[in-house]
Amino acid sequence: MQENQTIQESLTTQESLIKSAIATAQDGVARADGQLSVTEQLVCFSPYNKTLGLGPYQLQRKDIAKVESCWGKGGGILPVTSDAIKITLIDGSEYQFILASPQEWLNLLSH
């Protein structure tokens, strides 16, 4: 809980929040619901359940190499929704999020 508060405090004290929504981070078969937030410099994901090991993430927007649509998958295999985005960083790290209005997120993060 304290780490989540630290990210939220960081967002509110250092930068203005541009967009925030409930999202699901997915990595293979693992999933975690939480809050995805964007500021001028950061993309942050704060999971509701910290024990799953998916987050919190604090990504620098300047480190984003590519943002694209992807499939949200059931069991890590079966495509169940097209409402998902994949953020690829310059170092090759990938982060996938299932969320509402993925095109809005693509437009926002592709700048």
C-alpha atoms as a PDB file:
ATOM      1  CA  MET A   1       0.000   0.000   0.000  1.00  0.00           C
ATOM      2  CA  GLN A   2       2.797   2.411   0.846  1.00  0.00           C
ATOM      3  CA  GLU A   3       4.534   1.895  -2.516  1.00  0.00           C
ATOM      4  CA  ASN A   4       1.231   2.604  -4.298  1.00  0.00           C
ATOM      5  CA  GLN A   5       0.822   5.778  -2.240  1.00  0.00           C
ATOM      6  CA  THR A   6       4.368   6.821  -3.123  1.00  0.00           C
ATOM      7  CA  ILE A   7       3.659   6.547  -6.858  1.00  0.00           C
ATOM      8  CA  GLN A   8       0.379   8.432  -6.503  1.00  0.00           C
ATOM      9  CA  GLU A   9       2.035  11.138  -4.380  1.00  0.00           C
ATOM     10  CA  SER A  10       4.818  11.385  -6.958  1.00  0.00           C
ATOM     11  CA  LEU A  11       2.259  11.930  -9.681  1.00  0.00           C
ATOM     12  CA  THR A  12       0.375  14.605  -7.791  1.00  0.00           C
ATOM     13  CA  THR A  13       3.329  16.527  -6.377  1.00  0.00           C
ATOM     14  CA  GLN A  14       5.702  16.473  -9.354  1.00  0.00           C
ATOM     15  CA  GLU A  15       3.522  16.434 -12.459  1.00  0.00           C
ATOM     16  CA  SER A  16      -0.019  16.905 -13.638  1.00  0.00           C
ATOM     17  CA  LEU A  17      -1.990  13.775 -14.357  1.00  0.00           C
ATOM     18  CA  ILE A  18      -2.963  13.551 -18.044  1.00  0.00           C
ATOM     19  CA  LYS A  19      -4.981  10.322 -18.047  1.00  0.00           C
ATOM     20  CA  SER A  20      -5.797   7.540 -15.623  1.00  0.00           C
ATOM     21  CA  ALA A  21      -7.923   4.389 -15.868  1.00  0.00           C
ATOM     22  CA  ILE A  22      -8.452   0.958 -14.406  1.00  0.00           C
ATOM     23  CA  ALA A  23      -6.355  -1.548 -16.352  1.00  0.00           C
ATOM     24  CA  THR A  24      -5.157  -5.131 -16.178  1.00  0.00           C
ATOM     25  CA  ALA A  25      -1.447  -5.833 -16.581  1.00  0.00           C
ATOM     26  CA  GLN A  26      -0.744  -9.186 -18.197  1.00  0.00           C
ATOM     27  CA  ASP A  27       2.455 -11.162 -18.456  1.00  0.00           C
ATOM     28  CA  GLY A  28       1.868 -14.625 -19.893  1.00  0.00           C
ATOM     29  CA  VAL A  29      -0.773 -16.286 -17.723  1.00  0.00           C
ATOM     30  CA  ALA A  30      -0.340 -13.778 -14.881  1.00  0.00           C
ATOM     31  CA  ARG A  31      -2.719 -10.836 -14.608  1.00  0.00           C
ATOM     32  CA  ALA A  32      -3.149  -8.009 -12.119  1.00  0.00           C
ATOM     33  CA  ASP A  33      -5.847  -5.353 -11.974  1.00  0.00           C
ATOM     34  CA  GLY A  34      -4.801  -1.848 -11.024  1.00  0.00           C
ATOM     35  CA  GLN A  35      -4.567   1.801 -11.992  1.00  0.00           C
ATOM     36  CA  LEU A  36      -2.715   2.951 -15.135  1.00  0.00           C
ATOM     37  CA  SER A  37      -1.746   6.635 -15.086  1.00  0.00           C
ATOM     38  CA  VAL A  38       0.084   8.931 -17.485  1.00  0.00           C
ATOM     39  CA  THR A  39       1.830  12.257 -16.914  1.00  0.00           C
ATOM     40  CA  GLU A  40       4.069  14.275 -19.239  1.00  0.00           C
ATOM     41  CA  GLN A  41       7.087  12.141 -18.262  1.00  0.00           C
ATOM     42  CA  LEU A  42       5.778   8.885 -16.745  1.00  0.00           C
ATOM     43  CA  VAL A  43       3.524   5.897 -17.343  1.00  0.00           C
ATOM     44  CA  CYS A  44       2.691   4.278 -13.997  1.00  0.00           C
ATOM     45  CA  PHE A  45       0.831   1.094 -13.128  1.00  0.00           C
ATOM     46  CA  SER A  46      -0.172   0.495  -9.512  1.00  0.00           C
ATOM     47  CA  PRO A  47      -1.657  -2.984  -8.936  1.00  0.00           C
ATOM     48  CA  TYR A  48      -4.426  -3.437  -6.391  1.00  0.00           C
ATOM     49  CA  ASN A  49      -2.882  -6.731  -5.260  1.00  0.00           C
ATOM     50  CA  LYS A  50       0.857  -6.390  -4.626  1.00  0.00           C
ATOM     51  CA  THR A  51       1.470 -10.123  -4.054  1.00  0.00           C
ATOM     52  CA  LEU A  52       1.080 -11.086  -7.739  1.00  0.00           C
ATOM     53  CA  GLY A  53       4.398  -9.508  -8.730  1.00  0.00           C
ATOM     54  CA  LEU A  54       3.002  -7.478 -11.643  1.00  0.00           C
ATOM     55  CA  GLY A  55       3.946  -3.940 -10.693  1.00  0.00           C
ATOM     56  CA  PRO A  56       4.091  -1.358  -9.575  1.00  0.00           C
ATOM     57  CA  TYR A  57       5.689  -0.075 -12.775  1.00  0.00           C
ATOM     58  CA  GLN A  58       7.008   3.418 -13.348  1.00  0.00           C
ATOM     59  CA  LEU A  59       8.091   3.825 -16.991  1.00  0.00           C
ATOM     60  CA  GLN A  60       9.753   6.924 -18.384  1.00  0.00           C
ATOM     61  CA  ARG A  61       7.875   8.077 -21.491  1.00  0.00           C
ATOM     62  CA  LYS A  62      11.201   9.024 -23.124  1.00  0.00           C
ATOM     63  CA  ASP A  63      12.190   5.329 -22.913  1.00  0.00           C
ATOM     64  CA  ILE A  64       9.166   4.132 -24.923  1.00  0.00           C
ATOM     65  CA  ALA A  65      10.240   2.788 -28.315  1.00  0.00           C
ATOM     66  CA  LYS A  66       6.806   1.620 -29.526  1.00  0.00           C
ATOM     67  CA  VAL A  67       3.155   1.409 -28.463  1.00  0.00           C
ATOM     68  CA  GLU A  68       0.838  -0.913 -30.346  1.00  0.00           C
ATOM     69  CA  SER A  69      -2.430  -2.797 -30.141  1.00  0.00           C
ATOM     70  CA  CYS A  70      -2.304  -6.361 -28.889  1.00  0.00           C
ATOM     71  CA  TRP A  71      -4.635  -9.107 -27.705  1.00  0.00           C
ATOM     72  CA  GLY A  72      -5.650  -9.661 -24.107  1.00  0.00           C
ATOM     73  CA  LYS A  73      -5.292 -13.409 -23.613  1.00  0.00           C
ATOM     74  CA  GLY A  74      -6.999 -15.933 -21.398  1.00  0.00           C
ATOM     75  CA  GLY A  75      -4.557 -18.375 -19.832  1.00  0.00           C
ATOM     76  CA  GLY A  76      -1.753 -16.570 -21.630  1.00  0.00           C
ATOM     77  CA  ILE A  77      -2.715 -18.294 -24.901  1.00  0.00           C
ATOM     78  CA  LEU A  78      -6.305 -17.770 -26.036  1.00  0.00           C
ATOM     79  CA  PRO A  79      -7.101 -14.266 -27.422  1.00  0.00           C
ATOM     80  CA  VAL A  80     -10.162 -12.974 -25.565  1.00  0.00           C
ATOM     81  CA  THR A  81     -10.160  -9.216 -26.224  1.00  0.00           C
ATOM     82  CA  SER A  82      -8.619  -6.741 -28.623  1.00  0.00           C
ATOM     83  CA  ASP A  83      -8.851  -4.002 -25.978  1.00  0.00           C
ATOM     84  CA  ALA A  84      -5.170  -4.143 -25.068  1.00  0.00           C
ATOM     85  CA  ILE A  85      -1.938  -2.277 -25.717  1.00  0.00           C
ATOM     86  CA  LYS A  86       1.701  -3.285 -25.599  1.00  0.00           C
ATOM     87  CA  ILE A  87       4.381  -0.800 -24.585  1.00  0.00           C
ATOM     88  CA  THR A  88       7.893  -1.692 -25.731  1.00  0.00           C
ATOM     89  CA  LEU A  89      10.815   0.177 -24.189  1.00  0.00           C
ATOM     90  CA  ILE A  90      14.119   0.994 -25.861  1.00  0.00           C
ATOM     91  CA  ASP A  91      15.792  -1.817 -23.864  1.00  0.00           C
ATOM     92  CA  GLY A  92      13.308  -4.366 -25.294  1.00  0.00           C
ATOM     93  CA  SER A  93      11.149  -4.707 -22.153  1.00  0.00           C
ATOM     94  CA  GLU A  94       7.474  -5.190 -22.919  1.00  0.00           C
ATOM     95  CA  TYR A  95       4.408  -4.324 -20.836  1.00  0.00           C
ATOM     96  CA  GLN A  96       0.867  -5.334 -21.807  1.00  0.00           C
ATOM     97  CA  PHE A  97      -2.287  -3.740 -20.464  1.00  0.00           C
ATOM     98  CA  ILE A  98      -5.943  -4.601 -21.061  1.00  0.00           C
ATOM     99  CA  LEU A  99      -8.041  -1.437 -20.799  1.00  0.00           C
ATOM    100  CA  ALA A 100     -11.053   0.430 -22.138  1.00  0.00           C
ATOM    101  CA  SER A 101     -10.566   2.728 -25.139  1.00  0.00           C
ATOM    102  CA  PRO A 102      -7.168   1.380 -26.215  1.00  0.00           C
ATOM    103  CA  GLN A 103      -7.061   3.683 -29.268  1.00  0.00           C
ATOM    104  CA  GLU A 104      -7.085   6.740 -26.970  1.00  0.00           C
ATOM    105  CA  TRP A 105      -4.097   5.296 -25.085  1.00  0.00           C
ATOM    106  CA  LEU A 106      -2.286   4.517 -28.347  1.00  0.00           C
ATOM    107  CA  ASN A 107      -2.791   8.102 -29.540  1.00  0.00           C
ATOM    108  CA  LEU A 108      -1.642   9.550 -26.208  1.00  0.00           C
ATOM    109  CA  LEU A 109       1.467   7.397 -25.803  1.00  0.00           C
ATOM    110  CA  SER A 110       2.587   7.417 -29.443  1.00  0.00           C
ATOM    111  CA  HIS A 111       3.788  11.033 -29.283  1.00  0.00           C
END
